[in-house]
C-alpha atoms as a PDB file:
ATOM      1  CA  UNK A   1      80.330 119.592  29.394  1.00  0.00           C
ATOM      2  CA  UNK A   2      77.202 121.640  28.624  1.00  0.00           C
ATOM      3  CA  UNK A   3      75.854 119.507  25.760  1.00  0.00           C
ATOM      4  CA  UNK A   4      76.236 116.321  27.807  1.00  0.00           C
ATOM      5  CA  UNK A   5      74.425 117.889  30.764  1.00  0.00           C
ATOM      6  CA  UNK A   6      71.577 119.181  28.592  1.00  0.00           C
ATOM      7  CA  UNK A   7      71.046 115.775  26.984  1.00  0.00           C
ATOM      8  CA  UNK A   8      71.132 113.971  30.323  1.00  0.00           C
ATOM      9  CA  UNK A   9      68.599 116.382  31.845  1.00  0.00           C
ATOM     10  CA  UNK A  10      66.227 115.937  28.894  1.00  0.00           C
ATOM     11  CA  UNK A  11      66.563 112.160  29.035  1.00  0.00           C
ATOM     12  CA  UNK A  12      66.045 111.966  32.814  1.00  0.00           C
ATOM     13  CA  UNK A  13      62.966 114.173  32.604  1.00  0.00           C
ATOM     14  CA  UNK A  14      61.273 111.517  30.467  1.00  0.00           C
ATOM     15  CA  UNK A  15      62.578 108.511  32.407  1.00  0.00           C
ATOM     16  CA  UNK A  16      61.039 107.248  35.631  1.00  0.00           C
ATOM     17  CA  UNK A  17      62.512 103.832  36.341  1.00  0.00           C
ATOM     18  CA  UNK A  18      59.609 102.740  38.552  1.00  0.00           C
ATOM     19  CA  UNK A  19      57.143 103.671  35.821  1.00  0.00           C
ATOM     20  CA  UNK A  20      59.222 101.813  33.222  1.00  0.00           C
ATOM     21  CA  UNK A  21      59.265  98.727  35.414  1.00  0.00           C
ATOM     22  CA  UNK A  22      55.496  98.994  35.987  1.00  0.00           C
ATOM     23  CA  UNK A  23      55.006  99.130  32.224  1.00  0.00           C
ATOM     24  CA  UNK A  24      57.014  95.925  31.738  1.00  0.00           C
ATOM     25  CA  UNK A  25      54.920  94.202  34.388  1.00  0.00           C
ATOM     26  CA  UNK A  26      51.735  95.447  32.708  1.00  0.00           C
ATOM     27  CA  UNK A  27      53.013  94.179  29.337  1.00  0.00           C
ATOM     28  CA  UNK A  28      53.491  90.780  30.974  1.00  0.00           C
ATOM     29  CA  UNK A  29      49.740  90.908  31.655  1.00  0.00           C
ATOM     30  CA  UNK A  30      49.074  91.643  27.955  1.00  0.00           C
ATOM     31  CA  UNK A  31      48.634  95.430  28.193  1.00  0.00           C
ATOM     32  CA  UNK A  32      49.633  96.782  24.749  1.00  0.00           C
ATOM     33  CA  UNK A  33      49.205 100.388  25.911  1.00  0.00           C
ATOM     34  CA  UNK A  34      52.049  99.798  28.363  1.00  0.00           C
ATOM     35  CA  UNK A  35      54.318  99.114  25.385  1.00  0.00           C
ATOM     36  CA  UNK A  36      53.457 102.533  23.934  1.00  0.00           C
ATOM     37  CA  UNK A  37      54.140 104.205  27.297  1.00  0.00           C
ATOM     38  CA  UNK A  38      57.499 102.518  27.823  1.00  0.00           C
ATOM     39  CA  UNK A  39      58.477 103.323  24.246  1.00  0.00           C
ATOM     40  CA  UNK A  40      57.660 107.002  24.772  1.00  0.00           C
ATOM     41  CA  UNK A  41      59.748 107.142  27.946  1.00  0.00           C
ATOM     42  CA  UNK A  42      62.812 105.232  26.738  1.00  0.00           C
ATOM     43  CA  UNK A  43      63.083 105.258  22.934  1.00  0.00           C
ATOM     44  CA  UNK A  44      65.490 108.208  22.744  1.00  0.00           C
ATOM     45  CA  UNK A  45      67.972 106.554  25.110  1.00  0.00           C
ATOM     46  CA  UNK A  46      67.695 103.155  23.394  1.00  0.00           C
ATOM     47  CA  UNK A  47      68.074 104.747  19.960  1.00  0.00           C
ATOM     48  CA  UNK A  48      71.101 106.786  21.076  1.00  0.00           C
ATOM     49  CA  UNK A  49      72.720 103.715  22.585  1.00  0.00           C
ATOM     50  CA  UNK A  50      72.118 101.608  19.467  1.00  0.00           C
ATOM     51  CA  UNK A  51      73.372 104.420  17.267  1.00  0.00           C
ATOM     52  CA  UNK A  52      76.564 104.638  19.317  1.00  0.00           C
ATOM     53  CA  UNK A  53      77.238 100.986  18.484  1.00  0.00           C
ATOM     54  CA  UNK A  54      76.018 100.859  14.895  1.00  0.00           C
ATOM     55  CA  UNK A  55      76.859 104.374  13.679  1.00  0.00           C
ATOM     56  CA  UNK A  56      74.063 104.059  11.153  1.00  0.00           C
ATOM     57  CA  UNK A  57      70.667 105.696  11.732  1.00  0.00           C
ATOM     58  CA  UNK A  58      68.653 103.192   9.665  1.00  0.00           C
ATOM     59  CA  UNK A  59      70.156 100.214  11.501  1.00  0.00           C
ATOM     60  CA  UNK A  60      69.622 101.920  14.872  1.00  0.00           C
ATOM     61  CA  UNK A  61      65.936 102.422  14.005  1.00  0.00           C
ATOM     62  CA  UNK A  62      65.653  98.745  13.069  1.00  0.00           C
ATOM     63  CA  UNK A  63      67.236  97.736  16.367  1.00  0.00           C
ATOM     64  CA  UNK A  64      64.886 100.089  18.204  1.00  0.00           C
ATOM     65  CA  UNK A  65      61.846  98.292  16.764  1.00  0.00           C
ATOM     66  CA  UNK A  66      63.307  94.839  17.379  1.00  0.00           C
ATOM     67  CA  UNK A  67      64.167  95.767  20.969  1.00  0.00           C
ATOM     68  CA  UNK A  68      60.612  96.760  21.872  1.00  0.00           C
ATOM     69  CA  UNK A  69      59.093  93.745  20.124  1.00  0.00           C
ATOM     70  CA  UNK A  70      61.457  91.488  22.061  1.00  0.00           C
ATOM     71  CA  UNK A  71      60.678  93.342  25.279  1.00  0.00           C
ATOM     72  CA  UNK A  72      56.939  92.886  24.755  1.00  0.00           C
ATOM     73  CA  UNK A  73      57.195  89.190  23.926  1.00  0.00           C
ATOM     74  CA  UNK A  74      59.526  88.425  26.820  1.00  0.00           C
ATOM     75  CA  UNK A  75      57.920  90.695  29.432  1.00  0.00           C
ATOM     76  CA  UNK A  76      56.513  87.687  31.344  1.00  0.00           C
ATOM     77  CA  UNK A  77      60.092  86.469  31.934  1.00  0.00           C
ATOM     78  CA  UNK A  78      61.220  89.814  33.376  1.00  0.00           C
ATOM     79  CA  UNK A  79      62.034  89.778  37.096  1.00  0.00           C
ATOM     80  CA  UNK A  80      61.624  93.187  38.778  1.00  0.00           C
ATOM     81  CA  UNK A  81      64.767  94.563  40.387  1.00  0.00           C
ATOM     82  CA  UNK A  82      64.031  98.288  40.681  1.00  0.00           C
ATOM     83  CA  UNK A  83      66.039  99.238  37.587  1.00  0.00           C
ATOM     84  CA  UNK A  84      64.760  97.843  34.276  1.00  0.00           C
ATOM     85  CA  UNK A  85      67.037  99.908  32.044  1.00  0.00           C
ATOM     86  CA  UNK A  86      70.017  97.501  32.000  1.00  0.00           C
ATOM     87  CA  UNK A  87      67.573  94.782  30.898  1.00  0.00           C
ATOM     88  CA  UNK A  88      66.300  96.978  28.067  1.00  0.00           C
ATOM     89  CA  UNK A  89      69.807  98.040  27.045  1.00  0.00           C
ATOM     90  CA  UNK A  90      71.021  94.437  27.051  1.00  0.00           C
ATOM     91  CA  UNK A  91      68.318  93.578  24.524  1.00  0.00           C
ATOM     92  CA  UNK A  92      69.298  96.591  22.391  1.00  0.00           C
ATOM     93  CA  UNK A  93      72.990  95.730  22.672  1.00  0.00           C
ATOM     94  CA  UNK A  94      72.399  92.138  21.558  1.00  0.00           C
ATOM     95  CA  UNK A  95      70.369  93.221  18.537  1.00  0.00           C
ATOM     96  CA  UNK A  96      72.982  95.859  17.680  1.00  0.00           C
ATOM     97  CA  UNK A  97      75.783  93.309  17.801  1.00  0.00           C
ATOM     98  CA  UNK A  98      73.754  90.906  15.646  1.00  0.00           C
ATOM     99  CA  UNK A  99      73.225  93.725  13.150  1.00  0.00           C
ATOM    100  CA  UNK A 100      76.973  94.426  13.104  1.00  0.00           C
ATOM    101  CA  UNK A 101      77.730  90.759  12.529  1.00  0.00           C
ATOM    102  CA  UNK A 102      75.225  90.675   9.679  1.00  0.00           C
ATOM    103  CA  UNK A 103      76.854  93.513   7.806  1.00  0.00           C
ATOM    104  CA  UNK A 104      80.399  92.632   8.951  1.00  0.00           C
ATOM    105  CA  UNK A 105      81.550  96.221   8.915  1.00  0.00           C
ATOM    106  CA  UNK A 106      80.186  99.346  10.625  1.00  0.00           C
ATOM    107  CA  UNK A 107      79.361 102.217   8.311  1.00  0.00           C
ATOM    108  CA  UNK A 108      79.938 105.899   9.003  1.00  0.00           C
ATOM    109  CA  UNK A 109      76.752 107.551  10.249  1.00  0.00           C
ATOM    110  CA  UNK A 110      75.456 110.669   8.537  1.00  0.00           C
ATOM    111  CA  UNK A 111      76.144 113.766  10.629  1.00  0.00           C
ATOM    112  CA  UNK A 112      72.490 114.840  10.616  1.00  0.00           C
ATOM    113  CA  UNK A 113      71.366 111.595  12.243  1.00  0.00           C
ATOM    114  CA  UNK A 114      73.381 111.859  15.445  1.00  0.00           C
ATOM    115  CA  UNK A 115      71.632 110.708  18.621  1.00  0.00           C
ATOM    116  CA  UNK A 116      67.929 111.287  18.009  1.00  0.00           C
ATOM    117  CA  UNK A 117      67.814 111.793  14.251  1.00  0.00           C
ATOM    118  CA  UNK A 118      65.240 114.335  13.169  1.00  0.00           C
ATOM    119  CA  UNK A 119      63.474 114.263  16.561  1.00  0.00           C
ATOM    120  CA  UNK A 120      66.439 115.787  18.379  1.00  0.00           C
ATOM    121  CA  UNK A 121      65.744 118.659  20.739  1.00  0.00           C
ATOM    122  CA  UNK A 122      69.283 119.880  20.130  1.00  0.00           C
ATOM    123  CA  UNK A 123      69.742 122.613  17.520  1.00  0.00           C
ATOM    124  CA  UNK A 124      71.394 121.483  14.274  1.00  0.00           C
ATOM    125  CA  UNK A 125      74.668 123.299  15.106  1.00  0.00           C
ATOM    126  CA  UNK A 126      74.921 121.530  18.474  1.00  0.00           C
ATOM    127  CA  UNK A 127      74.224 118.159  16.822  1.00  0.00           C
ATOM    128  CA  UNK A 128      76.960 118.871  14.265  1.00  0.00           C
ATOM    129  CA  UNK A 129      79.378 119.931  17.005  1.00  0.00           C
ATOM    130  CA  UNK A 130      78.585 116.859  19.068  1.00  0.00           C
ATOM    131  CA  UNK A 131      78.989 114.581  16.049  1.00  0.00           C
ATOM    132  CA  UNK A 132      82.363 116.141  15.245  1.00  0.00           C
ATOM    133  CA  UNK A 133      83.504 115.730  18.834  1.00  0.00           C
ATOM    134  CA  UNK A 134      82.286 112.121  19.127  1.00  0.00           C
ATOM    135  CA  UNK A 135      84.417 111.085  16.136  1.00  0.00           C
ATOM    136  CA  UNK A 136      87.539 111.211  18.339  1.00  0.00           C
ATOM    137  CA  UNK A 137      86.178 108.525  20.672  1.00  0.00           C
ATOM    138  CA  UNK A 138      86.488 104.770  20.313  1.00  0.00           C
ATOM    139  CA  UNK A 139      83.274 102.759  20.004  1.00  0.00           C
ATOM    140  CA  UNK A 140      83.473 101.696  23.645  1.00  0.00           C
ATOM    141  CA  UNK A 141      84.083 105.263  24.848  1.00  0.00           C
ATOM    142  CA  UNK A 142      81.120 106.497  22.758  1.00  0.00           C
ATOM    143  CA  UNK A 143      78.868 103.866  24.330  1.00  0.00           C
ATOM    144  CA  UNK A 144      79.909 104.817  27.843  1.00  0.00           C
ATOM    145  CA  UNK A 145      79.435 108.544  27.196  1.00  0.00           C
ATOM    146  CA  UNK A 146      76.055 107.945  25.515  1.00  0.00           C
ATOM    147  CA  UNK A 147      74.813 105.742  28.349  1.00  0.00           C
ATOM    148  CA  UNK A 148      75.885 108.251  30.969  1.00  0.00           C
ATOM    149  CA  UNK A 149      74.981 111.514  29.220  1.00  0.00           C
ATOM    150  CA  UNK A 150      71.980 110.514  27.126  1.00  0.00           C
ATOM    151  CA  UNK A 151      70.409 107.673  29.066  1.00  0.00           C
ATOM    152  CA  UNK A 152      71.366 109.010  32.499  1.00  0.00           C
ATOM    153  CA  UNK A 153      72.924 105.732  33.640  1.00  0.00           C
ATOM    154  CA  UNK A 154      75.158 105.643  36.675  1.00  0.00           C
ATOM    155  CA  UNK A 155      78.651 104.289  36.047  1.00  0.00           C
ATOM    156  CA  UNK A 156      77.836 101.116  37.987  1.00  0.00           C
ATOM    157  CA  UNK A 157      74.832 100.510  35.715  1.00  0.00           C
ATOM    158  CA  UNK A 158      76.975 101.072  32.631  1.00  0.00           C
ATOM    159  CA  UNK A 159      79.274  98.356  33.928  1.00  0.00           C
ATOM    160  CA  UNK A 160      76.303  95.988  34.179  1.00  0.00           C
ATOM    161  CA  UNK A 161      75.162  96.740  30.622  1.00  0.00           C
ATOM    162  CA  UNK A 162      78.604  96.590  29.023  1.00  0.00           C
ATOM    163  CA  UNK A 163      80.079  93.843  31.183  1.00  0.00           C
ATOM    164  CA  UNK A 164      83.008  96.084  32.168  1.00  0.00           C
ATOM    165  CA  UNK A 165      84.298  96.523  35.726  1.00  0.00           C
ATOM    166  CA  UNK A 166      83.318  99.805  37.390  1.00  0.00           C
ATOM    167  CA  UNK A 167      86.937 100.997  37.476  1.00  0.00           C
ATOM    168  CA  UNK A 168      87.233 100.464  33.708  1.00  0.00           C
ATOM    169  CA  UNK A 169      83.989 102.323  33.045  1.00  0.00           C
ATOM    170  CA  UNK A 170      85.149 105.243  35.184  1.00  0.00           C
ATOM    171  CA  UNK A 171      88.579 105.472  33.576  1.00  0.00           C
ATOM    172  CA  UNK A 172      87.196 105.185  30.036  1.00  0.00           C
ATOM    173  CA  UNK A 173      84.529 107.796  30.783  1.00  0.00           C
ATOM    174  CA  UNK A 174      87.048 110.269  32.195  1.00  0.00           C
ATOM    175  CA  UNK A 175      89.455 109.595  29.327  1.00  0.00           C
ATOM    176  CA  UNK A 176      86.628 110.154  26.813  1.00  0.00           C
ATOM    177  CA  UNK A 177      85.555 113.414  28.457  1.00  0.00           C
ATOM    178  CA  UNK A 178      89.189 114.537  28.384  1.00  0.00           C
ATOM    179  CA  UNK A 179      89.410 113.734  24.674  1.00  0.00           C
ATOM    180  CA  UNK A 180      86.172 115.623  24.007  1.00  0.00           C
ATOM    181  CA  UNK A 181      87.349 118.623  26.011  1.00  0.00           C
ATOM    182  CA  UNK A 182      90.709 118.665  24.194  1.00  0.00           C
ATOM    183  CA  UNK A 183      89.006 118.358  20.784  1.00  0.00           C
ATOM    184  CA  UNK A 184      86.608 121.158  21.683  1.00  0.00           C
ATOM    185  CA  UNK A 185      89.437 123.439  22.840  1.00  0.00           C
ATOM    186  CA  UNK A 186      91.530 122.687  19.733  1.00  0.00           C
ATOM    187  CA  UNK A 187      88.523 123.265  17.490  1.00  0.00           C
ATOM    188  CA  UNK A 188      87.678 126.569  19.163  1.00  0.00           C
ATOM    189  CA  UNK A 189      91.260 127.834  18.962  1.00  0.00           C
ATOM    190  CA  UNK A 190      91.553 126.893  15.286  1.00  0.00           C
ATOM    191  CA  UNK A 191      88.033 128.114  14.466  1.00  0.00           C
ATOM    192  CA  UNK A 192      87.166 124.678  13.037  1.00  0.00           C
ATOM    193  CA  UNK A 193      84.207 124.064  15.369  1.00  0.00           C
END
């Protein structure tokens, strides 16, 4: 899927896992500039992931801020493992779930706020198309697609973040891509997309 590939390439360009891990270790030493660097490298992926759970841009922005504050304050407890992203996404997931519990019911996200909000590198028509396509997916399928396509996670890493077995992640991802492809084909043939 072209849109998925373009988003993943953009996200991976800005994400160097070793550099992210170095930033966390520097934050543990009290380096506030490291927080700004890690935010710059990872905020789009964390925001997209939170948005896939919350489906509300304002709440996703709140979770984004809370995630990085938590990361900074708990950086000394971080144990390096070569891939800090599941750690970061676990924090974002926990805050997102707390936000959902607080409001009891997820709200529909505005179409214009999909993925990166106003900062998106995708043209408005592609964002609208992607938003329309993503509506056919369940919340879990959206999370898996977002983690793989936007954040550049491997399926094994998605399993670690979501707590799902690798086989489940793979089947849900392939099912979601099939749904997206079918929706895209139906939309193109009817002229709706």
